[in-house]
Amino acid sequence: MNFPLHAVCTGIGEVQLNQTAPSHTDAFLVEGTNTVVVGAANGAPALLQQALAAGTTCTFGFGTVPVLIINR
């Protein structure tokens, strides 16, 4: 099952994010690229600190969250 999300992310603009379910991570692949967006949910303080330090966010329909954007 694919779980798509639309977002606007720092440095990469409007994107379609996809996650294959079931997944226990907050990692989403940016459709059509090798870029991964990793959210700092589930109480991951190290990821949150890195995302805040990088200043990268994604805005979803429910709000803006700090994320790590990784280009593979």
N, C-alpha and C. Protein backbone atom coordinates (compact mmCIF):
# COMPACT_ATOMS: atom_id res chain seq x y z
N MET A 1 0.85 -1.17 0.00
CA MET A 1 0.00 0.00 0.00
C MET A 1 0.90 1.24 0.00
N ASN A 2 0.60 2.18 -0.86
CA ASN A 2 1.36 3.42 -0.95
C ASN A 2 0.64 4.51 -0.16
N PHE A 3 1.39 5.30 0.58
CA PHE A 3 0.81 6.38 1.37
C PHE A 3 1.39 7.70 0.88
N PRO A 4 0.74 8.38 -0.10
CA PRO A 4 1.28 9.62 -0.66
C PRO A 4 0.89 10.85 0.17
N LEU A 5 1.78 11.81 0.20
CA LEU A 5 1.53 13.10 0.84
C LEU A 5 2.04 14.22 -0.05
N HIS A 6 1.31 15.31 -0.11
CA HIS A 6 1.77 16.49 -0.84
C HIS A 6 2.37 17.43 0.19
N ALA A 7 3.51 18.04 -0.15
CA ALA A 7 4.18 18.96 0.78
C ALA A 7 4.95 20.02 0.01
N VAL A 8 5.26 21.10 0.70
CA VAL A 8 6.17 22.12 0.19
C VAL A 8 7.35 22.14 1.16
N CYS A 9 8.54 21.80 0.65
CA CYS A 9 9.71 21.62 1.52
C CYS A 9 10.82 22.61 1.18
N THR A 10 11.55 22.99 2.20
CA THR A 10 12.68 23.90 2.07
C THR A 10 13.68 23.39 1.04
N GLY A 11 13.98 24.21 0.07
CA GLY A 11 15.01 23.88 -0.90
C GLY A 11 14.59 23.00 -2.05
N ILE A 12 13.44 22.31 -1.93
CA ILE A 12 13.01 21.44 -3.03
C ILE A 12 11.60 21.77 -3.52
N GLY A 13 10.91 22.68 -2.85
CA GLY A 13 9.63 23.17 -3.32
C GLY A 13 8.48 22.19 -3.14
N GLU A 14 7.51 22.26 -4.07
CA GLU A 14 6.33 21.38 -4.00
C GLU A 14 6.73 19.98 -4.42
N VAL A 15 6.39 19.01 -3.59
CA VAL A 15 6.76 17.63 -3.87
C VAL A 15 5.63 16.69 -3.50
N GLN A 16 5.68 15.51 -4.11
CA GLN A 16 4.81 14.40 -3.72
C GLN A 16 5.69 13.42 -2.97
N LEU A 17 5.35 13.16 -1.71
CA LEU A 17 6.11 12.23 -0.88
C LEU A 17 5.38 10.91 -0.82
N ASN A 18 6.13 9.82 -0.90
CA ASN A 18 5.53 8.49 -0.86
C ASN A 18 6.18 7.64 0.21
N GLN A 19 5.35 6.86 0.87
CA GLN A 19 5.82 5.92 1.88
C GLN A 19 5.05 4.62 1.67
N THR A 20 5.78 3.54 1.61
CA THR A 20 5.12 2.25 1.45
C THR A 20 4.73 1.74 2.83
N ALA A 21 3.47 1.44 3.00
CA ALA A 21 2.96 0.99 4.31
C ALA A 21 2.99 -0.53 4.37
N PRO A 22 3.05 -1.14 5.50
CA PRO A 22 3.23 -0.49 6.79
C PRO A 22 4.69 -0.11 6.99
N SER A 23 4.90 1.03 7.59
CA SER A 23 6.24 1.52 7.85
C SER A 23 6.30 2.06 9.26
N HIS A 24 7.41 1.81 9.92
CA HIS A 24 7.58 2.28 11.29
C HIS A 24 8.53 3.47 11.35
N THR A 25 8.76 4.09 10.21
CA THR A 25 9.64 5.25 10.16
C THR A 25 8.87 6.44 9.62
N ASP A 26 9.46 7.59 9.73
CA ASP A 26 8.90 8.81 9.16
C ASP A 26 9.74 9.25 7.98
N ALA A 27 10.19 8.27 7.18
CA ALA A 27 10.98 8.55 5.99
C ALA A 27 10.08 8.44 4.76
N PHE A 28 10.14 9.45 3.92
CA PHE A 28 9.34 9.49 2.70
C PHE A 28 10.25 9.73 1.51
N LEU A 29 10.01 9.03 0.43
CA LEU A 29 10.75 9.23 -0.81
C LEU A 29 10.06 10.32 -1.61
N VAL A 30 10.84 11.28 -2.12
CA VAL A 30 10.29 12.32 -2.99
C VAL A 30 10.11 11.68 -4.36
N GLU A 31 8.87 11.65 -4.82
CA GLU A 31 8.53 10.97 -6.07
C GLU A 31 9.38 11.46 -7.22
N GLY A 32 9.93 10.51 -7.97
CA GLY A 32 10.72 10.83 -9.16
C GLY A 32 12.15 11.23 -8.88
N THR A 33 12.60 11.09 -7.63
CA THR A 33 13.97 11.48 -7.27
C THR A 33 14.59 10.41 -6.39
N ASN A 34 15.83 10.66 -5.99
CA ASN A 34 16.52 9.83 -5.00
C ASN A 34 16.58 10.54 -3.65
N THR A 35 15.74 11.53 -3.46
CA THR A 35 15.74 12.33 -2.24
C THR A 35 14.77 11.73 -1.23
N VAL A 36 15.21 11.72 0.03
CA VAL A 36 14.40 11.20 1.13
C VAL A 36 14.17 12.32 2.13
N VAL A 37 12.94 12.45 2.58
CA VAL A 37 12.58 13.41 3.62
C VAL A 37 12.29 12.61 4.89
N VAL A 38 13.00 12.95 5.96
CA VAL A 38 12.85 12.22 7.23
C VAL A 38 12.29 13.18 8.27
N GLY A 39 11.13 12.83 8.80
CA GLY A 39 10.51 13.62 9.86
C GLY A 39 11.07 13.25 11.21
N ALA A 40 10.91 14.14 12.14
CA ALA A 40 11.44 13.91 13.49
C ALA A 40 10.34 13.53 14.46
N ALA A 41 9.33 12.84 13.98
CA ALA A 41 8.23 12.42 14.84
C ALA A 41 8.65 11.22 15.69
N ASN A 42 7.72 10.74 16.45
CA ASN A 42 7.94 9.57 17.32
C ASN A 42 9.01 9.81 18.37
N GLY A 43 9.17 11.05 18.79
CA GLY A 43 10.10 11.35 19.88
C GLY A 43 11.55 11.08 19.55
N ALA A 44 11.99 11.43 18.36
CA ALA A 44 13.38 11.23 17.96
C ALA A 44 14.15 12.54 18.17
N PRO A 45 14.65 12.79 19.39
CA PRO A 45 15.27 14.08 19.68
C PRO A 45 16.50 14.40 18.84
N ALA A 46 17.31 13.40 18.49
CA ALA A 46 18.50 13.67 17.68
C ALA A 46 18.11 14.14 16.28
N LEU A 47 17.10 13.50 15.69
CA LEU A 47 16.62 13.94 14.38
C LEU A 47 16.04 15.34 14.45
N LEU A 48 15.29 15.62 15.49
CA LEU A 48 14.70 16.95 15.66
C LEU A 48 15.79 18.00 15.77
N GLN A 49 16.82 17.74 16.56
CA GLN A 49 17.92 18.69 16.71
C GLN A 49 18.62 18.94 15.38
N GLN A 50 18.85 17.88 14.61
CA GLN A 50 19.51 18.03 13.30
C GLN A 50 18.63 18.82 12.34
N ALA A 51 17.33 18.54 12.34
CA ALA A 51 16.42 19.26 11.44
C ALA A 51 16.34 20.73 11.82
N LEU A 52 16.27 21.02 13.10
CA LEU A 52 16.22 22.42 13.55
C LEU A 52 17.52 23.14 13.20
N ALA A 53 18.66 22.46 13.37
CA ALA A 53 19.96 23.07 13.04
C ALA A 53 20.07 23.34 11.54
N ALA A 54 19.52 22.43 10.72
CA ALA A 54 19.59 22.60 9.27
C ALA A 54 18.60 23.66 8.79
N GLY A 55 17.55 23.89 9.58
CA GLY A 55 16.54 24.88 9.20
C GLY A 55 15.64 24.41 8.07
N THR A 56 15.50 23.10 7.91
CA THR A 56 14.69 22.55 6.83
C THR A 56 13.34 22.10 7.37
N THR A 57 12.29 22.43 6.63
CA THR A 57 10.93 22.09 7.03
C THR A 57 10.13 21.63 5.82
N CYS A 58 9.04 20.96 6.10
CA CYS A 58 8.03 20.66 5.08
C CYS A 58 6.69 21.13 5.62
N THR A 59 5.91 21.75 4.75
CA THR A 59 4.58 22.20 5.12
C THR A 59 3.57 21.25 4.50
N PHE A 60 2.74 20.69 5.36
CA PHE A 60 1.68 19.77 4.96
C PHE A 60 0.35 20.45 5.22
N GLY A 61 -0.74 19.80 4.88
CA GLY A 61 -2.06 20.36 5.14
C GLY A 61 -2.32 20.59 6.62
N PHE A 62 -1.63 19.84 7.48
CA PHE A 62 -1.84 19.94 8.92
C PHE A 62 -0.85 20.87 9.61
N GLY A 63 0.14 21.40 8.88
CA GLY A 63 1.10 22.32 9.48
C GLY A 63 2.51 22.11 8.96
N THR A 64 3.43 22.86 9.55
CA THR A 64 4.84 22.82 9.16
C THR A 64 5.64 22.07 10.21
N VAL A 65 6.49 21.16 9.73
CA VAL A 65 7.31 20.37 10.65
C VAL A 65 8.78 20.40 10.22
N PRO A 66 9.70 20.35 11.18
CA PRO A 66 11.13 20.25 10.84
C PRO A 66 11.44 18.87 10.27
N VAL A 67 12.26 18.82 9.24
CA VAL A 67 12.61 17.56 8.60
C VAL A 67 14.09 17.58 8.19
N LEU A 68 14.64 16.41 7.97
CA LEU A 68 15.94 16.28 7.33
C LEU A 68 15.69 15.91 5.87
N ILE A 69 16.39 16.56 4.97
CA ILE A 69 16.27 16.26 3.54
C ILE A 69 17.59 15.66 3.10
N ILE A 70 17.51 14.41 2.64
CA ILE A 70 18.72 13.65 2.30
C ILE A 70 18.70 13.33 0.82
N ASN A 71 19.73 13.78 0.12
CA ASN A 71 19.90 13.45 -1.31
C ASN A 71 20.81 12.26 -1.41
N ARG A 72 20.30 11.15 -1.96
CA ARG A 72 21.11 9.94 -2.05
C ARG A 72 21.85 9.92 -3.35
